[in-house]
């Protein structure tokens, strides 16, 4: 792939707040690469993500870390990802998302709501997720990354693609392909563009065992290439949602 010349005098800084749905497969780094490709600007990513943690935990137990990072990190964007499996109490999601958004507003950081996807065996939960996150984004007047909506549409198109699975083997987290969709959607939300069609790289940091502490330690070993027809399905569905 021919990398676009980056505008060194400009840089996007993105903070990710969430849990394993954020850090899985080093997804923020994939976003960084996609944003640089799509926008032609240098990008840096930072992450506050902890396994199984909700926004309530972030703002109760880790408040000073969240506060310091948002107020003093000079971020352009803050990606806000709530606990998804199971969903938390909606009132908690509203309350703690609002607190993060208010911190972002104090320093002109653009908050983005990360719309999650339903578990593989509970697709009926997707409509409620969509409703919750769209309501919060509309009520707060902030951007929504409609990942769950795109995820469910792509799943239907993958019905005849047996080797294309958005899910990790646990049926909850994203596979390397799933995080390609996630990163693409976030990139579109942030920049208004998708990376070049030739951008078909993703990461899969998992190893074939059940221990979450066992992941690939070399970035070179994580790399995977998405088949062109599969990447096109994802790109087309993203463009339709954003049209």
Protein backbone atom coordinates (compact mmCIF):
# COMPACT_ATOMS: atom_id res chain seq x y z
CA UNK A 1 0.00 0.00 0.00
CA UNK A 2 1.26 3.48 -0.84
CA UNK A 3 0.97 5.53 2.33
CA UNK A 4 -0.30 9.04 1.96
CA UNK A 5 2.09 11.80 2.98
CA UNK A 6 1.13 12.91 6.46
CA UNK A 7 0.59 16.54 7.29
CA UNK A 8 3.11 16.71 10.11
CA UNK A 9 1.92 20.09 11.28
CA UNK A 10 -1.44 18.56 12.18
CA UNK A 11 -2.11 15.68 14.52
CA UNK A 12 -5.25 13.99 15.81
CA UNK A 13 -5.17 12.68 19.37
CA UNK A 14 -7.78 10.12 20.39
CA UNK A 15 -8.55 8.77 23.86
CA UNK A 16 -10.39 5.45 24.20
CA UNK A 17 -12.35 4.74 27.40
CA UNK A 18 -13.86 1.28 27.75
CA UNK A 19 -13.14 -2.37 28.44
CA UNK A 20 -12.09 -5.47 26.51
CA UNK A 21 -14.29 -4.50 23.55
CA UNK A 22 -11.90 -1.57 23.17
CA UNK A 23 -8.54 -3.24 23.76
CA UNK A 24 -9.34 -6.52 21.92
CA UNK A 25 -6.92 -7.10 19.05
CA UNK A 26 -5.25 -3.74 19.73
CA UNK A 27 -8.19 -2.05 17.98
CA UNK A 28 -7.13 1.54 18.86
CA UNK A 29 -3.87 1.07 16.95
CA UNK A 30 -5.84 -0.08 13.92
CA UNK A 31 -7.95 3.07 14.20
CA UNK A 32 -4.76 5.14 14.30
CA UNK A 33 -3.52 3.62 11.08
CA UNK A 34 -6.87 3.97 9.36
CA UNK A 35 -7.29 7.60 10.43
CA UNK A 36 -3.84 8.46 9.09
CA UNK A 37 -4.69 6.79 5.79
CA UNK A 38 -8.13 8.41 5.51
CA UNK A 39 -7.24 11.92 6.67
CA UNK A 40 -3.57 12.20 5.72
CA UNK A 41 -2.84 13.50 9.21
CA UNK A 42 -0.66 12.07 11.92
CA UNK A 43 -2.65 10.42 14.68
CA UNK A 44 -1.90 9.27 18.22
CA UNK A 45 -4.11 6.99 20.31
CA UNK A 46 -4.32 6.51 24.08
CA UNK A 47 -6.40 4.05 26.06
CA UNK A 48 -8.03 3.61 29.46
CA UNK A 49 -9.58 0.14 29.09
CA UNK A 50 -9.99 -2.57 31.71
CA UNK A 51 -11.57 -6.03 31.46
CA UNK A 52 -15.28 -6.16 32.25
CA UNK A 53 -15.44 -2.59 33.54
CA UNK A 54 -18.38 -0.25 33.10
CA UNK A 55 -18.40 3.51 32.77
CA UNK A 56 -19.66 3.61 36.36
CA UNK A 57 -16.44 1.88 37.45
CA UNK A 58 -14.35 4.26 35.36
CA UNK A 59 -15.96 7.31 36.94
CA UNK A 60 -16.17 5.95 40.50
CA UNK A 61 -13.03 3.88 40.95
CA UNK A 62 -10.76 5.50 38.35
CA UNK A 63 -12.18 9.02 38.33
CA UNK A 64 -8.88 10.82 38.82
CA UNK A 65 -7.25 8.96 35.93
CA UNK A 66 -10.20 9.72 33.66
CA UNK A 67 -10.34 13.35 34.78
CA UNK A 68 -6.61 13.96 34.36
CA UNK A 69 -6.44 12.32 30.96
CA UNK A 70 -9.41 14.20 29.56
CA UNK A 71 -8.59 17.62 31.02
CA UNK A 72 -4.84 17.56 30.40
CA UNK A 73 -4.39 15.15 27.48
CA UNK A 74 -5.20 17.68 24.74
CA UNK A 75 -7.34 15.12 22.91
CA UNK A 76 -9.33 15.86 19.79
CA UNK A 77 -11.68 12.92 20.35
CA UNK A 78 -12.79 10.71 23.24
CA UNK A 79 -14.34 7.34 22.36
CA UNK A 80 -16.78 6.25 25.10
CA UNK A 81 -17.52 2.51 25.27
CA UNK A 82 -19.91 1.09 27.86
CA UNK A 83 -20.04 -2.46 29.24
CA UNK A 84 -22.08 -4.54 26.79
CA UNK A 85 -22.42 -8.18 27.88
CA UNK A 86 -24.53 -7.84 29.89
CA UNK A 87 -25.75 -4.31 29.37
CA UNK A 88 -25.59 -2.15 32.48
CA UNK A 89 -28.52 -0.29 34.01
CA UNK A 90 -29.52 2.31 31.45
CA UNK A 91 -29.70 5.08 34.06
CA UNK A 92 -26.08 4.36 34.99
CA UNK A 93 -25.02 4.54 31.35
CA UNK A 94 -26.80 7.87 30.95
CA UNK A 95 -25.29 9.30 34.14
CA UNK A 96 -21.67 8.30 33.63
CA UNK A 97 -21.61 8.97 29.90
CA UNK A 98 -22.87 12.47 30.71
CA UNK A 99 -20.09 12.98 33.27
CA UNK A 100 -17.44 12.02 30.71
CA UNK A 101 -19.02 14.25 28.08
CA UNK A 102 -19.06 17.20 30.47
CA UNK A 103 -15.33 16.78 31.10
CA UNK A 104 -14.75 16.64 27.34
CA UNK A 105 -16.71 19.86 26.82
CA UNK A 106 -14.49 21.74 29.24
CA UNK A 107 -11.49 21.21 26.94
CA UNK A 108 -13.20 21.13 23.53
CA UNK A 109 -12.66 17.40 23.07
CA UNK A 110 -15.24 15.78 20.78
CA UNK A 111 -16.95 12.84 22.52
CA UNK A 112 -18.05 9.86 20.41
CA UNK A 113 -20.46 7.21 21.66
CA UNK A 114 -19.29 3.68 20.82
CA UNK A 115 -22.39 1.62 19.94
CA UNK A 116 -21.63 -1.99 20.82
CA UNK A 117 -22.94 -5.23 19.28
CA UNK A 118 -25.06 -8.02 20.72
CA UNK A 119 -23.69 -11.41 21.68
CA UNK A 120 -23.77 -14.02 18.95
CA UNK A 121 -26.49 -16.07 20.64
CA UNK A 122 -28.55 -13.03 21.72
CA UNK A 123 -29.13 -11.01 18.51
CA UNK A 124 -32.42 -9.77 19.93
CA UNK A 125 -30.44 -7.44 22.23
CA UNK A 126 -29.14 -5.36 19.31
CA UNK A 127 -32.25 -3.23 18.88
CA UNK A 128 -32.15 -2.21 22.55
CA UNK A 129 -28.46 -1.34 22.30
CA UNK A 130 -29.15 0.76 19.23
CA UNK A 131 -32.01 2.55 20.98
CA UNK A 132 -29.97 3.33 24.09
CA UNK A 133 -26.92 4.70 22.35
CA UNK A 134 -28.86 6.69 19.77
CA UNK A 135 -30.93 8.27 22.55
CA UNK A 136 -27.83 9.24 24.53
CA UNK A 137 -26.11 10.69 21.46
CA UNK A 138 -29.22 12.66 20.48
CA UNK A 139 -29.93 13.90 24.02
CA UNK A 140 -26.30 14.94 24.53
CA UNK A 141 -25.87 16.32 21.02
CA UNK A 142 -22.75 14.25 20.35
CA UNK A 143 -21.52 11.91 17.63
CA UNK A 144 -22.49 8.25 17.50
CA UNK A 145 -20.35 5.52 15.97
CA UNK A 146 -23.13 3.13 14.83
CA UNK A 147 -21.01 0.00 15.11
CA UNK A 148 -23.79 -2.29 16.33
CA UNK A 149 -26.14 -1.30 13.52
CA UNK A 150 -23.50 -1.94 10.87
CA UNK A 151 -22.45 -5.16 12.61
CA UNK A 152 -25.96 -6.64 12.42
CA UNK A 153 -26.37 -5.71 8.76
CA UNK A 154 -22.99 -7.19 7.82
CA UNK A 155 -23.82 -10.38 9.73
CA UNK A 156 -26.78 -10.96 7.41
CA UNK A 157 -24.60 -10.54 4.33
CA UNK A 158 -22.02 -12.93 5.78
CA UNK A 159 -24.62 -15.73 5.94
CA UNK A 160 -23.17 -17.16 2.72
CA UNK A 161 -19.57 -16.51 3.75
CA UNK A 162 -18.75 -19.39 6.15
CA UNK A 163 -15.18 -18.22 6.73
CA UNK A 164 -16.20 -14.66 7.61
CA UNK A 165 -17.00 -14.38 11.31
CA UNK A 166 -17.15 -11.04 13.12
CA UNK A 167 -16.99 -12.81 16.49
CA UNK A 168 -14.13 -14.23 18.49
CA UNK A 169 -14.74 -17.83 19.55
CA UNK A 170 -16.47 -16.73 22.78
CA UNK A 171 -19.35 -15.28 20.75
CA UNK A 172 -19.04 -11.91 22.49
CA UNK A 173 -15.78 -10.20 21.57
CA UNK A 174 -14.73 -9.19 18.09
CA UNK A 175 -12.52 -11.30 15.89
CA UNK A 176 -9.80 -9.65 13.84
CA UNK A 177 -12.43 -9.22 11.13
CA UNK A 178 -14.91 -7.78 13.62
CA UNK A 179 -12.40 -5.21 14.79
CA UNK A 180 -11.74 -4.26 11.18
CA UNK A 181 -15.43 -3.30 11.03
CA UNK A 182 -15.18 -1.49 14.38
CA UNK A 183 -12.09 0.49 13.36
CA UNK A 184 -13.56 1.33 9.96
CA UNK A 185 -16.74 2.68 11.55
CA UNK A 186 -14.82 4.76 14.08
CA UNK A 187 -12.60 6.13 11.31
CA UNK A 188 -15.65 7.15 9.30
CA UNK A 189 -17.17 8.80 12.38
CA UNK A 190 -13.98 10.72 13.14
CA UNK A 191 -12.86 11.78 9.67
CA UNK A 192 -15.99 11.51 7.54
CA UNK A 193 -14.01 9.21 5.25
CA UNK A 194 -12.93 5.60 4.96
CA UNK A 195 -9.34 4.52 4.34
CA UNK A 196 -8.32 3.71 0.80
CA UNK A 197 -9.96 0.55 -0.58
CA UNK A 198 -6.53 -1.08 -0.58
CA UNK A 199 -6.43 -0.86 3.23
CA UNK A 200 -7.33 -4.42 4.20
CA UNK A 201 -5.05 -5.00 7.18
CA UNK A 202 -6.30 -5.86 10.64
CA UNK A 203 -4.97 -7.35 13.87
CA UNK A 204 -5.70 -10.62 15.65
CA UNK A 205 -3.75 -10.87 18.88
CA UNK A 206 -5.40 -14.09 20.10
CA UNK A 207 -3.79 -17.48 20.56
CA UNK A 208 -5.60 -20.85 20.36
CA UNK A 209 -6.24 -21.31 24.08
CA UNK A 210 -8.67 -20.01 26.69
CA UNK A 211 -6.25 -17.91 28.75
CA UNK A 212 -6.80 -14.17 28.21
CA UNK A 213 -3.27 -13.51 29.42
CA UNK A 214 -1.91 -15.45 26.46
CA UNK A 215 -1.82 -13.09 23.50
CA UNK A 216 0.71 -12.45 20.80
CA UNK A 217 3.47 -10.17 22.00
CA UNK A 218 4.84 -9.21 18.59
CA UNK A 219 2.93 -6.73 16.45
CA UNK A 220 4.26 -8.46 13.34
CA UNK A 221 2.56 -11.69 14.43
CA UNK A 222 -0.85 -10.01 14.82
CA UNK A 223 -1.28 -8.88 11.25
CA UNK A 224 -4.00 -10.39 9.06
CA UNK A 225 -5.32 -9.42 5.64
CA UNK A 226 -9.05 -9.14 5.01
CA UNK A 227 -10.19 -10.69 1.69
CA UNK A 228 -11.17 -8.03 -0.83
CA UNK A 229 -14.79 -9.18 -1.20
CA UNK A 230 -15.27 -9.27 2.59
CA UNK A 231 -13.75 -5.82 3.04
CA UNK A 232 -16.06 -4.49 0.31
CA UNK A 233 -19.16 -5.77 2.13
CA UNK A 234 -18.08 -3.95 5.28
CA UNK A 235 -17.22 -0.73 3.44
CA UNK A 236 -20.51 -0.73 1.51
CA UNK A 237 -22.58 -1.16 4.67
CA UNK A 238 -20.73 1.62 6.46
CA UNK A 239 -21.29 4.00 3.56
CA UNK A 240 -25.01 3.14 3.48
CA UNK A 241 -25.47 3.86 7.19
CA UNK A 242 -23.64 7.17 6.96
CA UNK A 243 -25.33 8.27 3.72
